[in-house]
Protein backbone atom coordinates (compact mmCIF):
# COMPACT_ATOMS: atom_id res chain seq x y z
CA UNK A 1 0.00 0.00 0.00
CA UNK A 2 2.83 2.39 0.79
CA UNK A 3 4.32 1.84 -2.67
CA UNK A 4 1.11 2.83 -4.42
CA UNK A 5 0.92 6.07 -2.47
CA UNK A 6 4.56 6.91 -3.08
CA UNK A 7 4.26 6.19 -6.82
CA UNK A 8 1.20 8.43 -7.03
CA UNK A 9 3.06 11.15 -5.14
CA UNK A 10 6.06 10.84 -7.49
CA UNK A 11 3.81 11.07 -10.56
CA UNK A 12 2.05 14.16 -9.19
CA UNK A 13 5.37 15.80 -8.33
CA UNK A 14 6.85 15.01 -11.77
CA UNK A 15 3.73 16.43 -13.46
CA UNK A 16 3.98 19.62 -11.41
CA UNK A 17 7.68 20.04 -12.25
CA UNK A 18 6.97 19.40 -15.94
CA UNK A 19 4.09 21.93 -15.97
CA UNK A 20 6.24 24.56 -14.25
CA UNK A 21 9.06 24.01 -16.75
CA UNK A 22 6.55 24.33 -19.61
CA UNK A 23 5.25 27.65 -18.28
CA UNK A 24 8.80 28.99 -17.97
CA UNK A 25 9.71 27.88 -21.50
CA UNK A 26 6.53 29.45 -22.95
CA UNK A 27 7.34 32.74 -21.17
CA UNK A 28 10.85 32.77 -22.63
CA UNK A 29 9.56 31.99 -26.13
CA UNK A 30 6.94 34.76 -25.92
CA UNK A 31 9.59 37.26 -24.78
CA UNK A 32 11.89 36.22 -27.63
CA UNK A 33 9.14 36.64 -30.23
CA UNK A 34 8.22 40.12 -28.97
CA UNK A 35 11.91 41.13 -28.85
CA UNK A 36 12.30 39.94 -32.44
CA UNK A 37 9.29 41.99 -33.54
CA UNK A 38 10.69 45.09 -31.79
CA UNK A 39 14.08 44.54 -33.44
CA UNK A 40 12.43 44.25 -36.86
CA UNK A 41 10.49 47.48 -36.21
CA UNK A 42 13.70 49.31 -35.23
CA UNK A 43 15.46 47.98 -38.32
CA UNK A 44 12.62 49.27 -40.49
CA UNK A 45 12.83 52.65 -38.73
CA UNK A 46 16.59 52.84 -39.41
CA UNK A 47 15.99 52.05 -43.10
CA UNK A 48 13.37 54.81 -43.30
CA UNK A 49 15.74 57.25 -41.55
CA UNK A 50 18.59 56.37 -43.94
CA UNK A 51 16.28 56.93 -46.91
CA UNK A 52 15.20 60.33 -45.60
CA UNK A 53 18.84 61.30 -44.94
CA UNK A 54 19.73 60.30 -48.50
CA UNK A 55 16.87 62.44 -49.81
CA UNK A 56 18.16 65.38 -47.79
CA UNK A 57 21.70 64.84 -49.05
CA UNK A 58 20.51 64.72 -52.66
CA UNK A 59 18.39 67.84 -52.17
CA UNK A 60 15.08 66.13 -52.99
CA UNK A 61 12.20 68.14 -51.50
CA UNK A 62 10.06 66.40 -48.89
CA UNK A 63 6.78 68.00 -49.99
CA UNK A 64 5.40 64.69 -51.23
CA UNK A 65 6.39 62.77 -48.09
CA UNK A 66 3.17 60.74 -48.04
CA UNK A 67 4.48 58.78 -51.03
CA UNK A 68 7.28 57.22 -48.96
CA UNK A 69 5.77 56.93 -45.51
CA UNK A 70 5.54 53.63 -43.69
CA UNK A 71 2.35 52.88 -41.79
CA UNK A 72 2.80 53.51 -38.10
CA UNK A 73 6.04 55.51 -38.41
CA UNK A 74 6.41 59.29 -38.22
CA UNK A 75 9.55 60.85 -39.70
CA UNK A 76 10.82 64.25 -38.60
CA UNK A 77 13.80 65.79 -40.36
CA UNK A 78 15.53 69.13 -40.03
CA UNK A 79 18.73 70.94 -40.86
CA UNK A 80 20.59 72.66 -38.03
CA UNK A 81 23.60 74.96 -38.13
CA UNK A 82 26.91 73.34 -37.31
CA UNK A 83 30.22 74.61 -35.94
CA UNK A 84 31.90 73.89 -39.27
CA UNK A 85 31.78 76.51 -42.05
CA UNK A 86 29.79 75.42 -45.10
CA UNK A 87 28.31 72.39 -43.34
CA UNK A 88 24.88 71.84 -41.83
CA UNK A 89 23.80 69.12 -39.43
CA UNK A 90 21.00 66.98 -40.85
CA UNK A 91 18.91 65.30 -38.14
CA UNK A 92 16.34 62.59 -38.91
CA UNK A 93 14.17 61.12 -36.16
CA UNK A 94 11.68 58.26 -36.58
CA UNK A 95 8.86 57.76 -34.06
CA UNK A 96 6.62 54.75 -33.57
CA UNK A 97 2.98 55.77 -33.98
CA UNK A 98 1.49 52.31 -33.38
CA UNK A 99 -0.86 52.18 -30.44
CA UNK A 100 0.03 48.91 -28.78
CA UNK A 101 0.69 50.13 -25.26
CA UNK A 102 4.47 50.49 -25.57
CA UNK A 103 4.47 54.29 -25.45
CA UNK A 104 5.37 56.33 -22.40
CA UNK A 105 2.25 56.37 -20.23
CA UNK A 106 3.13 59.59 -18.41
CA UNK A 107 3.73 61.80 -21.47
CA UNK A 108 1.77 60.01 -24.24
CA UNK A 109 4.72 60.69 -26.58
CA UNK A 110 5.42 57.90 -29.08
CA UNK A 111 8.75 56.13 -28.58
CA UNK A 112 11.62 57.25 -30.77
CA UNK A 113 12.92 54.28 -32.75
CA UNK A 114 15.80 55.83 -34.68
CA UNK A 115 17.90 59.00 -34.82
CA UNK A 116 20.47 59.77 -37.50
CA UNK A 117 22.72 62.83 -37.57
CA UNK A 118 25.08 63.68 -40.40
CA UNK A 119 27.00 66.73 -41.57
CA UNK A 120 26.02 67.83 -45.07
CA UNK A 121 27.25 70.56 -47.34
CA UNK A 122 24.59 73.21 -47.39
CA UNK A 123 23.19 76.48 -46.13
CA UNK A 124 23.53 75.65 -42.42
CA UNK A 125 19.95 75.18 -41.58
CA UNK A 126 16.61 75.58 -43.12
CA UNK A 127 17.07 77.85 -46.12
CA UNK A 128 15.79 77.03 -49.56
CA UNK A 129 19.27 76.54 -51.00
CA UNK A 130 19.91 72.97 -52.12
CA UNK A 131 22.85 71.31 -50.32
CA UNK A 132 25.77 70.43 -52.54
CA UNK A 133 26.53 66.75 -52.88
CA UNK A 134 30.14 65.66 -52.91
CA UNK A 135 30.97 63.15 -55.62
């Protein structure tokens, strides 16, 4: 009789350990999948920022920006004066506009996914003169 009770206890304990291990593994897999999705979103944001920086460097106007926007991403670009004569600092920032609860709850600002800064030949910030492109 004692053996039957101990075998039942061993089976119950093994089942509990197996179930706990399964829950831990599922939690790790879920975290990995969400991290992969975030990494893919950041990679897309960097590609969009590089494209916008290339447009700025080539002097292509951004009036028709809606043609190259990516759903859920907001791109902000500007030219700032730099400390170097004849050069302007191009800044491109990409924000995540998706509403999936990842934003900052206190400020309701969307998270910034990518920032690129590069010195370009140009008018040092905001004029209508097209920046020169070095070849």
